[in-house]
N, C-alpha and C. Protein backbone atom coordinates (compact mmCIF):
# COMPACT_ATOMS: atom_id res chain seq x y z
N MET A 1 196.68 -68.01 3.72
CA MET A 1 197.81 -67.90 4.64
C MET A 1 197.41 -68.58 5.96
N PRO A 2 198.29 -69.42 6.51
CA PRO A 2 197.93 -70.14 7.73
C PRO A 2 198.09 -69.33 9.03
N PHE A 3 198.52 -68.07 8.93
CA PHE A 3 198.74 -67.26 10.13
C PHE A 3 198.31 -65.81 9.88
N ASP A 4 197.93 -65.14 10.96
CA ASP A 4 197.81 -63.68 10.97
C ASP A 4 198.95 -63.18 11.86
N PHE A 5 199.70 -62.20 11.39
CA PHE A 5 200.83 -61.63 12.12
C PHE A 5 200.45 -60.23 12.56
N GLU A 6 200.44 -59.97 13.87
CA GLU A 6 200.05 -58.66 14.40
C GLU A 6 201.21 -58.04 15.17
N LYS A 7 201.74 -56.95 14.60
CA LYS A 7 202.79 -56.21 15.32
C LYS A 7 202.17 -55.62 16.57
N GLN A 8 202.93 -55.64 17.66
CA GLN A 8 202.46 -55.12 18.94
C GLN A 8 202.92 -53.67 19.12
N LYS A 9 202.67 -53.10 20.30
CA LYS A 9 203.06 -51.70 20.52
C LYS A 9 204.57 -51.50 20.39
N ILE A 10 205.34 -52.55 20.61
CA ILE A 10 206.75 -52.59 20.23
C ILE A 10 206.77 -53.44 18.97
N ALA A 11 206.95 -52.81 17.84
CA ALA A 11 206.71 -53.44 16.54
C ALA A 11 207.51 -54.71 16.30
N ASP A 12 208.68 -54.86 16.92
CA ASP A 12 209.50 -56.06 16.70
C ASP A 12 208.92 -57.29 17.39
N VAL A 13 208.00 -57.08 18.32
CA VAL A 13 207.32 -58.19 19.00
C VAL A 13 206.03 -58.45 18.22
N ILE A 14 205.82 -59.70 17.83
CA ILE A 14 204.72 -60.02 16.93
C ILE A 14 203.85 -61.12 17.53
N LEU A 15 202.54 -60.85 17.61
CA LEU A 15 201.56 -61.87 18.00
C LEU A 15 201.17 -62.62 16.75
N ILE A 16 201.25 -63.93 16.82
CA ILE A 16 200.95 -64.78 15.66
C ILE A 16 199.71 -65.60 15.99
N LYS A 17 198.70 -65.43 15.13
CA LYS A 17 197.44 -66.16 15.30
C LYS A 17 197.34 -67.20 14.19
N PRO A 18 197.44 -68.48 14.54
CA PRO A 18 197.36 -69.52 13.51
C PRO A 18 195.91 -69.74 13.07
N LYS A 19 195.76 -70.19 11.83
CA LYS A 19 194.45 -70.63 11.35
C LYS A 19 194.23 -72.04 11.91
N VAL A 20 193.12 -72.24 12.57
CA VAL A 20 192.82 -73.53 13.20
C VAL A 20 191.63 -74.15 12.49
N PHE A 21 191.79 -75.39 12.07
CA PHE A 21 190.73 -76.11 11.39
C PHE A 21 190.24 -77.20 12.33
N GLY A 22 189.00 -77.05 12.81
CA GLY A 22 188.48 -77.99 13.79
C GLY A 22 187.13 -78.55 13.40
N ASP A 23 186.85 -79.73 13.90
CA ASP A 23 185.54 -80.35 13.75
C ASP A 23 185.33 -81.29 14.93
N ASN A 24 184.36 -82.19 14.83
CA ASN A 24 184.04 -83.06 15.97
C ASN A 24 185.18 -84.02 16.32
N ARG A 25 186.20 -84.16 15.48
CA ARG A 25 187.33 -85.04 15.75
C ARG A 25 188.44 -84.35 16.52
N GLY A 26 188.47 -83.00 16.48
CA GLY A 26 189.55 -82.26 17.11
C GLY A 26 189.93 -81.07 16.24
N PHE A 27 191.23 -80.80 16.10
CA PHE A 27 191.67 -79.68 15.28
C PHE A 27 193.01 -79.98 14.63
N PHE A 28 193.33 -79.15 13.63
CA PHE A 28 194.63 -79.16 12.99
C PHE A 28 195.05 -77.72 12.78
N MET A 29 196.34 -77.47 13.00
CA MET A 29 196.90 -76.15 12.71
C MET A 29 198.38 -76.30 12.43
N GLU A 30 198.93 -75.36 11.68
CA GLU A 30 200.36 -75.26 11.52
C GLU A 30 200.87 -74.36 12.62
N SER A 31 201.90 -74.79 13.34
CA SER A 31 202.44 -73.95 14.41
C SER A 31 203.70 -73.20 13.98
N TYR A 32 204.27 -73.58 12.84
CA TYR A 32 205.42 -72.87 12.30
C TYR A 32 205.56 -73.23 10.83
N LYS A 33 205.82 -72.23 10.02
CA LYS A 33 206.08 -72.43 8.59
C LYS A 33 207.06 -71.35 8.18
N LYS A 34 208.30 -71.76 7.99
CA LYS A 34 209.39 -70.80 7.77
C LYS A 34 209.05 -69.79 6.67
N SER A 35 208.55 -70.23 5.53
CA SER A 35 208.28 -69.32 4.42
C SER A 35 207.29 -68.22 4.82
N GLU A 36 206.27 -68.55 5.57
CA GLU A 36 205.28 -67.56 6.01
C GLU A 36 205.89 -66.60 7.03
N PHE A 37 206.69 -67.13 7.93
CA PHE A 37 207.34 -66.28 8.92
C PHE A 37 208.29 -65.29 8.24
N VAL A 38 209.08 -65.77 7.31
CA VAL A 38 210.03 -64.90 6.60
C VAL A 38 209.27 -63.81 5.84
N LYS A 39 208.18 -64.16 5.17
CA LYS A 39 207.37 -63.17 4.44
C LYS A 39 206.86 -62.07 5.36
N ASN A 40 206.73 -62.39 6.64
CA ASN A 40 206.19 -61.45 7.60
C ASN A 40 207.24 -60.88 8.54
N GLY A 41 208.50 -60.91 8.10
CA GLY A 41 209.57 -60.22 8.81
C GLY A 41 210.26 -61.01 9.90
N ILE A 42 209.96 -62.30 10.03
CA ILE A 42 210.61 -63.13 11.05
C ILE A 42 211.53 -64.11 10.34
N ASP A 43 212.75 -63.66 10.07
CA ASP A 43 213.73 -64.48 9.37
C ASP A 43 214.71 -65.03 10.40
N THR A 44 214.20 -65.89 11.26
CA THR A 44 214.95 -66.42 12.39
C THR A 44 215.16 -67.91 12.20
N GLU A 45 216.38 -68.36 12.41
CA GLU A 45 216.66 -69.80 12.36
C GLU A 45 216.62 -70.34 13.78
N PHE A 46 215.60 -71.10 14.09
CA PHE A 46 215.46 -71.66 15.43
C PHE A 46 216.34 -72.90 15.55
N VAL A 47 217.03 -73.02 16.72
CA VAL A 47 217.99 -74.11 16.91
C VAL A 47 217.73 -74.94 18.17
N GLN A 48 216.78 -74.50 19.00
CA GLN A 48 216.50 -75.24 20.23
C GLN A 48 215.01 -75.13 20.55
N ASP A 49 214.40 -76.23 20.98
CA ASP A 49 213.01 -76.24 21.44
C ASP A 49 213.01 -76.52 22.94
N ASN A 50 212.16 -75.79 23.66
CA ASN A 50 212.02 -75.96 25.11
C ASN A 50 210.57 -76.26 25.45
N HIS A 51 210.37 -76.98 26.54
CA HIS A 51 209.04 -77.36 27.01
C HIS A 51 209.03 -77.16 28.52
N SER A 52 208.08 -76.37 29.02
CA SER A 52 208.01 -76.16 30.47
C SER A 52 206.60 -76.38 30.98
N LEU A 53 206.52 -76.79 32.23
CA LEU A 53 205.26 -76.96 32.94
C LEU A 53 205.36 -76.15 34.22
N SER A 54 204.33 -75.36 34.49
CA SER A 54 204.30 -74.54 35.70
C SER A 54 202.93 -74.65 36.34
N GLY A 55 202.92 -74.59 37.69
CA GLY A 55 201.67 -74.68 38.43
C GLY A 55 200.98 -73.33 38.57
N LYS A 56 199.83 -73.38 39.20
CA LYS A 56 198.98 -72.20 39.41
C LYS A 56 199.76 -71.08 40.11
N HIS A 57 199.63 -69.88 39.59
CA HIS A 57 200.19 -68.64 40.13
C HIS A 57 201.71 -68.55 40.03
N VAL A 58 202.35 -69.48 39.32
CA VAL A 58 203.80 -69.39 39.12
C VAL A 58 204.10 -68.22 38.20
N LEU A 59 205.12 -67.46 38.57
CA LEU A 59 205.63 -66.39 37.72
C LEU A 59 207.09 -66.70 37.45
N ARG A 60 207.44 -66.77 36.18
CA ARG A 60 208.82 -67.01 35.78
C ARG A 60 209.32 -65.78 35.04
N GLY A 61 210.47 -65.27 35.46
CA GLY A 61 211.02 -64.13 34.74
C GLY A 61 211.41 -63.02 35.68
N LEU A 62 211.95 -62.09 35.09
CA LEU A 62 212.17 -61.78 33.68
C LEU A 62 213.57 -62.25 33.29
N HIS A 63 213.65 -63.13 32.30
CA HIS A 63 214.92 -63.78 31.96
C HIS A 63 215.43 -63.35 30.59
N TYR A 64 216.75 -63.36 30.46
CA TYR A 64 217.40 -63.12 29.17
C TYR A 64 218.80 -63.70 29.23
N GLN A 65 219.46 -63.74 28.09
CA GLN A 65 220.86 -64.16 28.03
C GLN A 65 221.70 -62.99 27.53
N GLN A 66 222.88 -62.84 28.16
CA GLN A 66 223.82 -61.79 27.75
C GLN A 66 224.37 -62.07 26.36
N GLU A 67 224.70 -60.98 25.65
CA GLU A 67 225.38 -61.12 24.36
C GLU A 67 226.71 -61.84 24.55
N PRO A 68 227.15 -62.61 23.62
CA PRO A 68 226.57 -62.84 22.30
C PRO A 68 225.58 -64.00 22.27
N TYR A 69 225.01 -64.35 23.40
CA TYR A 69 224.14 -65.52 23.50
C TYR A 69 222.66 -65.17 23.63
N SER A 70 222.29 -63.92 23.31
CA SER A 70 220.89 -63.54 23.41
C SER A 70 220.04 -64.46 22.53
N GLN A 71 218.75 -64.51 22.83
CA GLN A 71 217.87 -65.44 22.13
C GLN A 71 216.60 -64.74 21.65
N ALA A 72 216.22 -65.03 20.42
CA ALA A 72 214.86 -64.75 19.96
C ALA A 72 214.03 -65.97 20.35
N LYS A 73 212.75 -65.74 20.65
CA LYS A 73 211.89 -66.84 21.07
C LYS A 73 210.56 -66.81 20.33
N LEU A 74 210.00 -67.98 20.12
CA LEU A 74 208.64 -68.14 19.63
C LEU A 74 207.92 -68.97 20.69
N VAL A 75 207.03 -68.31 21.44
CA VAL A 75 206.42 -68.89 22.64
C VAL A 75 204.96 -69.28 22.36
N ARG A 76 204.57 -70.47 22.85
CA ARG A 76 203.21 -70.96 22.66
C ARG A 76 202.77 -71.71 23.92
N CYS A 77 201.56 -71.47 24.37
CA CYS A 77 200.99 -72.17 25.53
C CYS A 77 200.07 -73.26 25.00
N ILE A 78 200.41 -74.53 25.27
CA ILE A 78 199.62 -75.64 24.73
C ILE A 78 198.61 -76.20 25.73
N ARG A 79 198.75 -75.79 27.00
CA ARG A 79 197.78 -76.21 28.02
C ARG A 79 197.71 -75.11 29.06
N GLY A 80 196.50 -74.72 29.42
CA GLY A 80 196.32 -73.68 30.42
C GLY A 80 196.29 -72.30 29.80
N LYS A 81 196.61 -71.30 30.65
CA LYS A 81 196.55 -69.90 30.21
C LYS A 81 197.59 -69.09 30.97
N ILE A 82 198.27 -68.19 30.25
CA ILE A 82 199.29 -67.33 30.84
C ILE A 82 199.16 -65.92 30.31
N TYR A 83 199.75 -64.97 31.05
CA TYR A 83 200.11 -63.68 30.48
C TYR A 83 201.60 -63.79 30.17
N ASP A 84 201.95 -63.51 28.93
CA ASP A 84 203.34 -63.56 28.49
C ASP A 84 203.84 -62.13 28.36
N ILE A 85 205.05 -61.87 28.85
CA ILE A 85 205.61 -60.52 28.91
C ILE A 85 206.95 -60.48 28.19
N ALA A 86 207.14 -59.45 27.36
CA ALA A 86 208.42 -59.20 26.70
C ALA A 86 208.82 -57.76 27.00
N VAL A 87 210.01 -57.58 27.60
CA VAL A 87 210.50 -56.25 27.97
C VAL A 87 211.69 -55.90 27.09
N ASP A 88 211.62 -54.74 26.45
CA ASP A 88 212.71 -54.27 25.58
C ASP A 88 213.89 -53.83 26.44
N ILE A 89 215.02 -54.54 26.32
CA ILE A 89 216.23 -54.17 27.07
C ILE A 89 217.36 -53.77 26.13
N ARG A 90 217.01 -53.39 24.91
CA ARG A 90 218.00 -52.90 23.94
C ARG A 90 218.33 -51.45 24.30
N LYS A 91 219.56 -51.20 24.73
CA LYS A 91 219.95 -49.90 25.28
C LYS A 91 219.65 -48.72 24.37
N ASN A 92 219.81 -48.86 23.08
CA ASN A 92 219.62 -47.74 22.15
C ASN A 92 218.25 -47.72 21.49
N SER A 93 217.33 -48.51 22.01
CA SER A 93 216.00 -48.58 21.43
C SER A 93 215.12 -47.44 21.95
N LYS A 94 214.26 -46.91 21.09
CA LYS A 94 213.34 -45.87 21.55
C LYS A 94 212.24 -46.44 22.45
N THR A 95 212.13 -47.77 22.50
CA THR A 95 211.15 -48.40 23.40
C THR A 95 211.83 -49.12 24.57
N PHE A 96 213.09 -48.74 24.86
CA PHE A 96 213.84 -49.34 25.97
C PHE A 96 213.02 -49.25 27.27
N GLY A 97 212.92 -50.37 27.98
CA GLY A 97 212.21 -50.41 29.26
C GLY A 97 210.71 -50.56 29.12
N GLN A 98 210.18 -50.56 27.91
CA GLN A 98 208.75 -50.78 27.71
C GLN A 98 208.49 -52.27 27.52
N TYR A 99 207.23 -52.65 27.67
CA TYR A 99 206.90 -54.08 27.58
C TYR A 99 205.64 -54.33 26.77
N VAL A 100 205.50 -55.57 26.34
CA VAL A 100 204.30 -56.08 25.68
C VAL A 100 203.76 -57.19 26.56
N LYS A 101 202.44 -57.21 26.73
CA LYS A 101 201.78 -58.29 27.48
C LYS A 101 200.67 -58.86 26.61
N VAL A 102 200.68 -60.19 26.46
CA VAL A 102 199.61 -60.86 25.71
C VAL A 102 199.16 -62.10 26.48
N GLU A 103 197.94 -62.49 26.25
CA GLU A 103 197.43 -63.74 26.81
C GLU A 103 197.67 -64.85 25.79
N LEU A 104 198.31 -65.90 26.25
CA LEU A 104 198.50 -67.10 25.44
C LEU A 104 197.78 -68.24 26.15
N SER A 105 197.08 -69.06 25.39
CA SER A 105 196.34 -70.15 26.03
C SER A 105 196.12 -71.30 25.06
N ARG A 106 195.72 -72.41 25.63
CA ARG A 106 195.35 -73.57 24.81
C ARG A 106 194.19 -73.20 23.90
N GLU A 107 193.27 -72.39 24.43
CA GLU A 107 192.08 -72.04 23.67
C GLU A 107 192.40 -71.13 22.49
N ASN A 108 193.17 -70.06 22.71
CA ASN A 108 193.40 -69.13 21.60
C ASN A 108 194.53 -69.58 20.66
N LYS A 109 195.39 -70.48 21.11
CA LYS A 109 196.46 -71.06 20.29
C LYS A 109 197.42 -70.03 19.70
N ASN A 110 197.40 -68.81 20.20
CA ASN A 110 198.28 -67.76 19.70
C ASN A 110 199.72 -68.00 20.14
N MET A 111 200.64 -67.37 19.43
CA MET A 111 202.07 -67.47 19.72
C MET A 111 202.63 -66.06 19.77
N LEU A 112 203.71 -65.89 20.53
CA LEU A 112 204.37 -64.59 20.60
C LEU A 112 205.81 -64.75 20.13
N TYR A 113 206.17 -63.92 19.13
CA TYR A 113 207.55 -63.86 18.68
C TYR A 113 208.24 -62.73 19.43
N ILE A 114 209.33 -63.07 20.12
CA ILE A 114 210.11 -62.11 20.91
C ILE A 114 211.51 -62.08 20.32
N PRO A 115 211.93 -60.95 19.74
CA PRO A 115 213.26 -60.90 19.13
C PRO A 115 214.37 -60.84 20.18
N ARG A 116 215.60 -60.95 19.72
CA ARG A 116 216.76 -60.78 20.61
C ARG A 116 216.71 -59.38 21.21
N GLY A 117 217.25 -59.26 22.43
CA GLY A 117 217.28 -57.95 23.09
C GLY A 117 216.08 -57.70 23.98
N PHE A 118 215.36 -58.75 24.34
CA PHE A 118 214.21 -58.63 25.22
C PHE A 118 214.36 -59.60 26.39
N ALA A 119 213.88 -59.15 27.55
CA ALA A 119 213.73 -60.05 28.70
C ALA A 119 212.34 -60.66 28.60
N HIS A 120 212.19 -61.88 29.06
CA HIS A 120 210.93 -62.61 28.91
C HIS A 120 210.46 -63.15 30.25
N GLY A 121 209.17 -63.13 30.45
CA GLY A 121 208.57 -63.72 31.63
C GLY A 121 207.12 -64.05 31.38
N PHE A 122 206.55 -64.84 32.29
CA PHE A 122 205.12 -65.15 32.18
C PHE A 122 204.58 -65.49 33.56
N VAL A 123 203.26 -65.36 33.69
CA VAL A 123 202.57 -65.74 34.92
C VAL A 123 201.43 -66.68 34.54
N VAL A 124 201.25 -67.74 35.33
CA VAL A 124 200.23 -68.76 35.07
C VAL A 124 198.90 -68.30 35.66
N LEU A 125 197.87 -68.32 34.84
CA LEU A 125 196.53 -67.90 35.25
C LEU A 125 195.58 -69.07 35.46
N SER A 126 196.00 -70.27 35.11
CA SER A 126 195.19 -71.47 35.22
C SER A 126 195.81 -72.40 36.27
N ASP A 127 195.21 -73.58 36.47
CA ASP A 127 195.77 -74.52 37.45
C ASP A 127 197.18 -74.96 37.08
N GLU A 128 197.43 -75.15 35.80
CA GLU A 128 198.76 -75.47 35.27
C GLU A 128 198.87 -74.83 33.90
N ALA A 129 200.10 -74.68 33.44
CA ALA A 129 200.32 -74.21 32.08
C ALA A 129 201.55 -74.91 31.52
N GLU A 130 201.41 -75.37 30.28
CA GLU A 130 202.54 -75.97 29.57
C GLU A 130 202.88 -75.08 28.39
N LEU A 131 204.17 -74.77 28.27
CA LEU A 131 204.65 -73.92 27.19
C LEU A 131 205.64 -74.68 26.33
N LEU A 132 205.56 -74.44 25.04
CA LEU A 132 206.57 -74.87 24.10
C LEU A 132 207.15 -73.61 23.49
N TYR A 133 208.47 -73.53 23.42
CA TYR A 133 209.03 -72.38 22.74
C TYR A 133 210.34 -72.73 22.05
N LYS A 134 210.51 -72.06 20.93
CA LYS A 134 211.70 -72.21 20.11
C LYS A 134 212.64 -71.05 20.41
N THR A 135 213.94 -71.30 20.31
CA THR A 135 214.93 -70.22 20.46
C THR A 135 215.91 -70.29 19.29
N ASP A 136 216.50 -69.15 18.99
CA ASP A 136 217.45 -69.10 17.88
C ASP A 136 218.90 -69.19 18.34
N ASN A 137 219.11 -69.43 19.62
CA ASN A 137 220.45 -69.61 20.17
C ASN A 137 220.32 -70.62 21.30
N GLU A 138 221.31 -71.45 21.46
CA GLU A 138 221.25 -72.45 22.53
C GLU A 138 221.44 -71.79 23.89
N TYR A 139 220.86 -72.40 24.89
CA TYR A 139 220.98 -71.91 26.26
C TYR A 139 222.42 -72.06 26.75
N LYS A 140 222.95 -70.99 27.33
CA LYS A 140 224.30 -70.99 27.92
C LYS A 140 224.16 -70.56 29.38
N PRO A 141 224.36 -71.46 30.32
CA PRO A 141 224.19 -71.13 31.74
C PRO A 141 224.98 -69.90 32.19
N ASP A 142 226.20 -69.73 31.68
CA ASP A 142 227.02 -68.59 32.10
C ASP A 142 226.49 -67.25 31.60
N ALA A 143 225.62 -67.27 30.59
CA ALA A 143 225.06 -66.04 30.04
C ALA A 143 223.67 -65.74 30.59
N ASP A 144 223.15 -66.63 31.45
CA ASP A 144 221.80 -66.49 32.01
C ASP A 144 221.72 -65.29 32.94
N ARG A 145 220.76 -64.40 32.70
CA ARG A 145 220.58 -63.19 33.50
C ARG A 145 219.09 -62.96 33.74
N GLY A 146 218.80 -62.01 34.63
CA GLY A 146 217.41 -61.69 34.91
C GLY A 146 217.23 -60.28 35.42
N ILE A 147 215.99 -59.84 35.43
CA ILE A 147 215.57 -58.54 35.93
C ILE A 147 214.41 -58.79 36.90
N PHE A 148 214.35 -58.02 37.96
CA PHE A 148 213.31 -58.20 38.98
C PHE A 148 211.93 -58.05 38.34
N TRP A 149 211.07 -59.00 38.60
CA TRP A 149 209.76 -59.10 37.96
C TRP A 149 208.86 -57.89 38.21
N CYS A 150 209.06 -57.22 39.36
CA CYS A 150 208.21 -56.05 39.64
C CYS A 150 209.04 -54.79 39.77
N ASP A 151 210.03 -54.66 38.88
CA ASP A 151 210.86 -53.46 38.79
C ASP A 151 209.95 -52.24 38.63
N LYS A 152 210.09 -51.28 39.54
CA LYS A 152 209.22 -50.09 39.54
C LYS A 152 209.40 -49.23 38.29
N ASP A 153 210.59 -49.23 37.71
CA ASP A 153 210.82 -48.42 36.50
C ASP A 153 210.13 -49.01 35.27
N ILE A 154 210.01 -50.32 35.21
CA ILE A 154 209.29 -50.95 34.09
C ILE A 154 207.79 -50.90 34.35
N ASN A 155 207.40 -51.13 35.61
CA ASN A 155 206.00 -51.02 36.05
C ASN A 155 205.06 -51.91 35.25
N ILE A 156 205.37 -53.19 35.20
CA ILE A 156 204.53 -54.14 34.47
C ILE A 156 203.21 -54.35 35.19
N ASP A 157 202.13 -54.26 34.44
CA ASP A 157 200.81 -54.62 34.94
C ASP A 157 200.63 -56.11 34.64
N TRP A 158 200.96 -56.93 35.62
CA TRP A 158 200.86 -58.38 35.43
C TRP A 158 199.41 -58.86 35.36
N GLY A 159 198.47 -58.01 35.76
CA GLY A 159 197.06 -58.38 35.68
C GLY A 159 196.66 -59.46 36.66
N ILE A 160 197.32 -59.50 37.82
CA ILE A 160 197.03 -60.55 38.80
C ILE A 160 196.62 -59.93 40.13
N ASP A 161 195.82 -60.67 40.88
CA ASP A 161 195.41 -60.23 42.21
C ASP A 161 195.81 -61.25 43.27
N PHE A 162 196.93 -61.91 43.04
CA PHE A 162 197.45 -62.91 43.95
C PHE A 162 198.96 -62.72 44.08
N GLU A 163 199.51 -63.29 45.14
CA GLU A 163 200.97 -63.27 45.34
C GLU A 163 201.56 -64.38 44.48
N PRO A 164 202.41 -64.06 43.51
CA PRO A 164 202.94 -65.10 42.62
C PRO A 164 203.93 -66.02 43.32
N VAL A 165 204.02 -67.23 42.80
CA VAL A 165 205.00 -68.22 43.26
C VAL A 165 206.27 -68.00 42.44
N LEU A 166 207.36 -67.68 43.14
CA LEU A 166 208.63 -67.34 42.48
C LEU A 166 209.74 -68.29 42.88
N SER A 167 210.70 -68.48 42.00
CA SER A 167 211.92 -69.21 42.37
C SER A 167 212.76 -68.31 43.26
N GLU A 168 213.69 -68.88 44.00
CA GLU A 168 214.60 -68.07 44.82
C GLU A 168 215.38 -67.10 43.94
N LYS A 169 215.79 -67.57 42.79
CA LYS A 169 216.54 -66.72 41.85
C LYS A 169 215.70 -65.50 41.44
N ASP A 170 214.43 -65.73 41.09
CA ASP A 170 213.59 -64.63 40.62
C ASP A 170 213.20 -63.66 41.73
N LYS A 171 213.23 -64.11 42.98
CA LYS A 171 212.94 -63.21 44.10
C LYS A 171 214.02 -62.16 44.30
N HIS A 172 215.23 -62.42 43.78
CA HIS A 172 216.37 -61.56 44.08
C HIS A 172 217.07 -61.02 42.83
N GLN A 173 216.35 -60.93 41.74
CA GLN A 173 216.95 -60.37 40.53
C GLN A 173 217.15 -58.86 40.68
N PRO A 174 218.13 -58.28 40.00
CA PRO A 174 218.35 -56.84 40.07
C PRO A 174 217.36 -56.04 39.22
N ALA A 175 217.28 -54.76 39.48
CA ALA A 175 216.46 -53.86 38.66
C ALA A 175 217.14 -53.66 37.31
N LEU A 176 216.36 -53.26 36.32
CA LEU A 176 216.91 -53.03 34.98
C LEU A 176 218.04 -52.01 35.00
N LYS A 177 217.88 -50.93 35.73
CA LYS A 177 218.93 -49.89 35.73
C LYS A 177 220.22 -50.37 36.38
N GLU A 178 220.16 -51.47 37.14
CA GLU A 178 221.36 -52.01 37.78
C GLU A 178 222.16 -52.93 36.85
N VAL A 179 221.52 -53.43 35.79
CA VAL A 179 222.20 -54.41 34.95
C VAL A 179 222.59 -53.88 33.57
N LEU A 180 221.96 -52.81 33.13
CA LEU A 180 222.26 -52.32 31.77
C LEU A 180 222.73 -50.88 31.79
């Protein structure tokens, strides 16, 4: 099997560790294989790929799209290192308001599967970080929403000892209890 699938403390969020074959020439890995993902409970049809670059100490998030435009994501860091965060915002979920935090990096090559119904964010721990991620729904600007990155009720341990660089939008997002 080209992947190890590890359910996180919120079981619907899955850390995916690819098998990497490397030698003095470089490496090879599969970054997605539908049949393996389906066998492991990820039966998602991805329809859009995104690529982002962020500088040192940038924090993006927490972002989501309103129904019916919510998105599942498969996130991978291809350069640098980040902490990736997924917050459960499904109103009737027993893990509502809880989060998963994982380190994604060029070195570990891990990926995080985030199902629909989660807000997503990340913070850059290296000089730069490049992310590639797939979504199962196209981006709709009118459905774009967010939650304040340091909402006291969620209490995310971002694992940082610096003041993050935020967009104006992310500086003024509402608390979770104000939006849901």
